[in-house]
C-alpha atoms as a PDB file:
ATOM      1  CA  MET A   1     121.371 103.130 112.913  1.00  0.00           C
ATOM      2  CA  ILE A   2     119.299 100.295 111.512  1.00  0.00           C
ATOM      3  CA  ALA A   3     118.214  97.285 113.553  1.00  0.00           C
ATOM      4  CA  GLY A   4     120.626  98.223 116.346  1.00  0.00           C
ATOM      5  CA  GLN A   5     123.619  98.433 114.011  1.00  0.00           C
ATOM      6  CA  GLY A   6     125.486 101.615 113.200  1.00  0.00           C
ATOM      7  CA  GLY A   7     126.477 104.805 114.935  1.00  0.00           C
ATOM      8  CA  PHE A   8     125.135 106.358 118.093  1.00  0.00           C
ATOM      9  CA  ILE A   9     124.417 109.961 117.230  1.00  0.00           C
ATOM     10  CA  GLY A  10     121.869 109.597 114.446  1.00  0.00           C
ATOM     11  CA  ALA A  11     118.261 108.559 114.620  1.00  0.00           C
ATOM     12  CA  ASP A  12     117.197 104.928 114.368  1.00  0.00           C
ATOM     13  CA  LEU A  13     116.184 104.526 110.726  1.00  0.00           C
ATOM     14  CA  SER A  14     114.855 100.965 111.069  1.00  0.00           C
ATOM     15  CA  ALA A  15     111.271 102.022 110.336  1.00  0.00           C
ATOM     16  CA  TYR A  16     111.964 105.222 108.388  1.00  0.00           C
ATOM     17  CA  GLY A  17     111.063 103.661 105.041  1.00  0.00           C
ATOM     18  CA  ALA A  18     107.715 102.470 106.374  1.00  0.00           C
ATOM     19  CA  ASN A  19     106.599 106.008 107.179  1.00  0.00           C
ATOM     20  CA  HIS A  20     108.034 107.874 104.192  1.00  0.00           C
ATOM     21  CA  ASP A  21     107.666 107.394 100.459  1.00  0.00           C
ATOM     22  CA  GLU A  22     110.566 107.221  98.015  1.00  0.00           C
ATOM     23  CA  ALA A  23     110.506 110.950  97.207  1.00  0.00           C
ATOM     24  CA  GLU A  24     110.517 111.921 100.900  1.00  0.00           C
ATOM     25  CA  ILE A  25     113.444 109.609 101.630  1.00  0.00           C
ATOM     26  CA  ARG A  26     115.469 110.959  98.699  1.00  0.00           C
ATOM     27  CA  SER A  27     114.725 114.535  99.773  1.00  0.00           C
ATOM     28  CA  ALA A  28     115.820 113.824 103.363  1.00  0.00           C
ATOM     29  CA  ILE A  29     119.134 112.470 102.051  1.00  0.00           C
ATOM     30  CA  VAL A  30     119.972 115.370  99.747  1.00  0.00           C
ATOM     31  CA  LYS A  31     118.435 118.136 101.911  1.00  0.00           C
ATOM     32  CA  PRO A  32     118.769 117.067 105.548  1.00  0.00           C
ATOM     33  CA  SER A  33     116.643 118.895 108.091  1.00  0.00           C
ATOM     34  CA  ASN A  34     118.271 121.098 110.654  1.00  0.00           C
ATOM     35  CA  GLU A  35     118.536 119.728 114.159  1.00  0.00           C
ATOM     36  CA  ALA A  36     119.033 121.387 117.510  1.00  0.00           C
ATOM     37  CA  THR A  37     122.814 121.194 117.673  1.00  0.00           C
ATOM     38  CA  VAL A  38     124.864 122.992 120.243  1.00  0.00           C
ATOM     39  CA  SER A  39     128.426 124.100 120.814  1.00  0.00           C
ATOM     40  CA  VAL A  40     129.331 124.307 124.499  1.00  0.00           C
ATOM     41  CA  THR A  41     132.386 125.807 126.159  1.00  0.00           C
ATOM     42  CA  THR A  42     132.918 125.148 129.857  1.00  0.00           C
ATOM     43  CA  ARG A  43     134.387 127.760 132.191  1.00  0.00           C
ATOM     44  CA  GLU A  44     137.561 125.616 132.269  1.00  0.00           C
ATOM     45  CA  GLY A  45     137.854 125.849 128.459  1.00  0.00           C
ATOM     46  CA  GLY A  46     136.495 122.428 127.454  1.00  0.00           C
ATOM     47  CA  LYS A  47     134.711 122.494 124.099  1.00  0.00           C
ATOM     48  CA  TYR A  48     131.951 120.144 122.986  1.00  0.00           C
ATOM     49  CA  PHE A  49     129.755 119.962 119.885  1.00  0.00           C
ATOM     50  CA  GLY A  50     126.752 117.713 119.485  1.00  0.00           C
ATOM     51  CA  VAL A  51     123.025 117.225 119.703  1.00  0.00           C
ATOM     52  CA  ILE A  52     120.903 118.382 122.618  1.00  0.00           C
ATOM     53  CA  ARG A  53     119.218 115.365 124.198  1.00  0.00           C
ATOM     54  CA  ASN A  54     117.606 117.121 127.164  1.00  0.00           C
ATOM     55  CA  GLU A  55     117.627 120.576 128.662  1.00  0.00           C
ATOM     56  CA  ASP A  56     115.953 122.454 131.475  1.00  0.00           C
ATOM     57  CA  ASN A  57     116.571 125.750 133.272  1.00  0.00           C
ATOM     58  CA  PHE A  58     119.518 124.356 135.217  1.00  0.00           C
ATOM     59  CA  SER A  59     121.172 121.666 133.104  1.00  0.00           C
ATOM     60  CA  LEU A  60     121.967 120.594 129.588  1.00  0.00           C
ATOM     61  CA  GLN A  61     122.517 117.056 128.373  1.00  0.00           C
ATOM     62  CA  MET A  62     124.113 116.524 124.997  1.00  0.00           C
ATOM     63  CA  GLN A  63     125.529 113.727 122.898  1.00  0.00           C
ATOM     64  CA  THR A  64     128.686 114.194 120.861  1.00  0.00           C
ATOM     65  CA  SER A  65     129.414 112.443 117.564  1.00  0.00           C
ATOM     66  CA  ASP A  66     131.447 109.744 119.335  1.00  0.00           C
ATOM     67  CA  GLY A  67     128.230 108.667 121.071  1.00  0.00           C
ATOM     68  CA  LYS A  68     129.213 109.944 124.514  1.00  0.00           C
ATOM     69  CA  PHE A  69     126.720 111.766 126.689  1.00  0.00           C
ATOM     70  CA  HIS A  70     127.782 114.896 128.543  1.00  0.00           C
ATOM     71  CA  PHE A  71     125.787 116.391 131.400  1.00  0.00           C
ATOM     72  CA  PHE A  72     126.392 120.022 132.345  1.00  0.00           C
ATOM     73  CA  ASP A  73     125.224 122.252 135.143  1.00  0.00           C
ATOM     74  CA  LYS A  74     124.530 125.499 133.266  1.00  0.00           C
ATOM     75  CA  GLN A  75     126.281 127.526 135.978  1.00  0.00           C
ATOM     76  CA  GLY A  76     129.521 125.772 134.978  1.00  0.00           C
ATOM     77  CA  LEU A  77     129.258 126.755 131.328  1.00  0.00           C
ATOM     78  CA  GLY A  78     131.041 129.716 129.844  1.00  0.00           C
ATOM     79  CA  HIS A  79     129.228 129.776 126.516  1.00  0.00           C
ATOM     80  CA  ILE A  80     126.355 127.963 124.796  1.00  0.00           C
ATOM     81  CA  GLU A  81     125.882 128.456 121.057  1.00  0.00           C
ATOM     82  CA  ARG A  82     122.739 126.949 119.584  1.00  0.00           C
ATOM     83  CA  ARG A  83     122.826 126.105 115.910  1.00  0.00           C
ATOM     84  CA  SER A  84     120.304 125.004 113.321  1.00  0.00           C
ATOM     85  CA  GLN A  85     122.574 122.702 111.422  1.00  0.00           C
ATOM     86  CA  SER A  86     122.329 119.062 110.493  1.00  0.00           C
ATOM     87  CA  LEU A  87     125.064 116.667 111.513  1.00  0.00           C
ATOM     88  CA  MET A  88     124.381 114.867 108.242  1.00  0.00           C
ATOM     89  CA  PRO A  89     126.451 116.232 105.337  1.00  0.00           C
ATOM     90  CA  GLU A  90     124.495 118.469 102.983  1.00  0.00           C
ATOM     91  CA  THR A  91     126.542 117.359  99.967  1.00  0.00           C
ATOM     92  CA  TYR A  92     125.087 113.887  99.347  1.00  0.00           C
ATOM     93  CA  GLY A  93     123.097 115.246  96.375  1.00  0.00           C
ATOM     94  CA  ILE A  94     126.421 116.082  94.715  1.00  0.00           C
ATOM     95  CA  GLN A  95     128.593 113.261  96.054  1.00  0.00           C
ATOM     96  CA  LEU A  96     126.253 110.360  95.320  1.00  0.00           C
ATOM     97  CA  SER A  97     125.255 109.291  91.827  1.00  0.00           C
ATOM     98  CA  LYS A  98     121.598 108.746  90.913  1.00  0.00           C
ATOM     99  CA  GLY A  99     122.191 105.003  91.184  1.00  0.00           C
ATOM    100  CA  GLN A 100     123.727 105.336  94.643  1.00  0.00           C
ATOM    101  CA  LEU A 101     120.788 107.464  95.819  1.00  0.00           C
ATOM    102  CA  ASP A 102     118.395 104.873  94.382  1.00  0.00           C
ATOM    103  CA  ASP A 103     120.283 102.104  96.224  1.00  0.00           C
ATOM    104  CA  LEU A 104     120.243 103.996  99.526  1.00  0.00           C
ATOM    105  CA  THR A 105     116.552 104.808  99.194  1.00  0.00           C
ATOM    106  CA  SER A 106     115.770 101.187  98.367  1.00  0.00           C
ATOM    107  CA  PHE A 107     117.857  99.983 101.310  1.00  0.00           C
ATOM    108  CA  LEU A 108     115.936 102.185 103.763  1.00  0.00           C
ATOM    109  CA  MET A 109     112.610 100.990 102.364  1.00  0.00           C
ATOM    110  CA  LYS A 110     113.651  97.321 102.517  1.00  0.00           C
ATOM    111  CA  ALA A 111     114.998  97.706 106.061  1.00  0.00           C
ATOM    112  CA  ALA A 112     111.539  98.849 107.121  1.00  0.00           C
ATOM    113  CA  GLY A 113     109.827  96.057 105.214  1.00  0.00           C
ATOM    114  CA  SER A 114     107.965  98.539 103.046  1.00  0.00           C
ATOM    115  CA  GLU A 115     109.319  97.361  99.695  1.00  0.00           C
END
């Protein structure tokens, strides 16, 4: 998301370019960091995959890729699988040309007003 536009699940990148140099931005695109993702199965058989937004001893709140929030009482869950895996594809270094990576990097820097 940039300036309130875009998807719901990812971080707001509006200021990302202001706090990271060109090399750091390019590296984050081609080698995304692992997030705290989770796969949850309810006792009734419902399955959910997303990002943990909040958790305590009794409940888990997560957001799925469609932007919806799901709140679970842990006693009602059959299985919780924690993963260290980015929701961002790890293949951008192969899929995007050097020019496309340059354009994306430049876009993120301009969006933050750092270029």
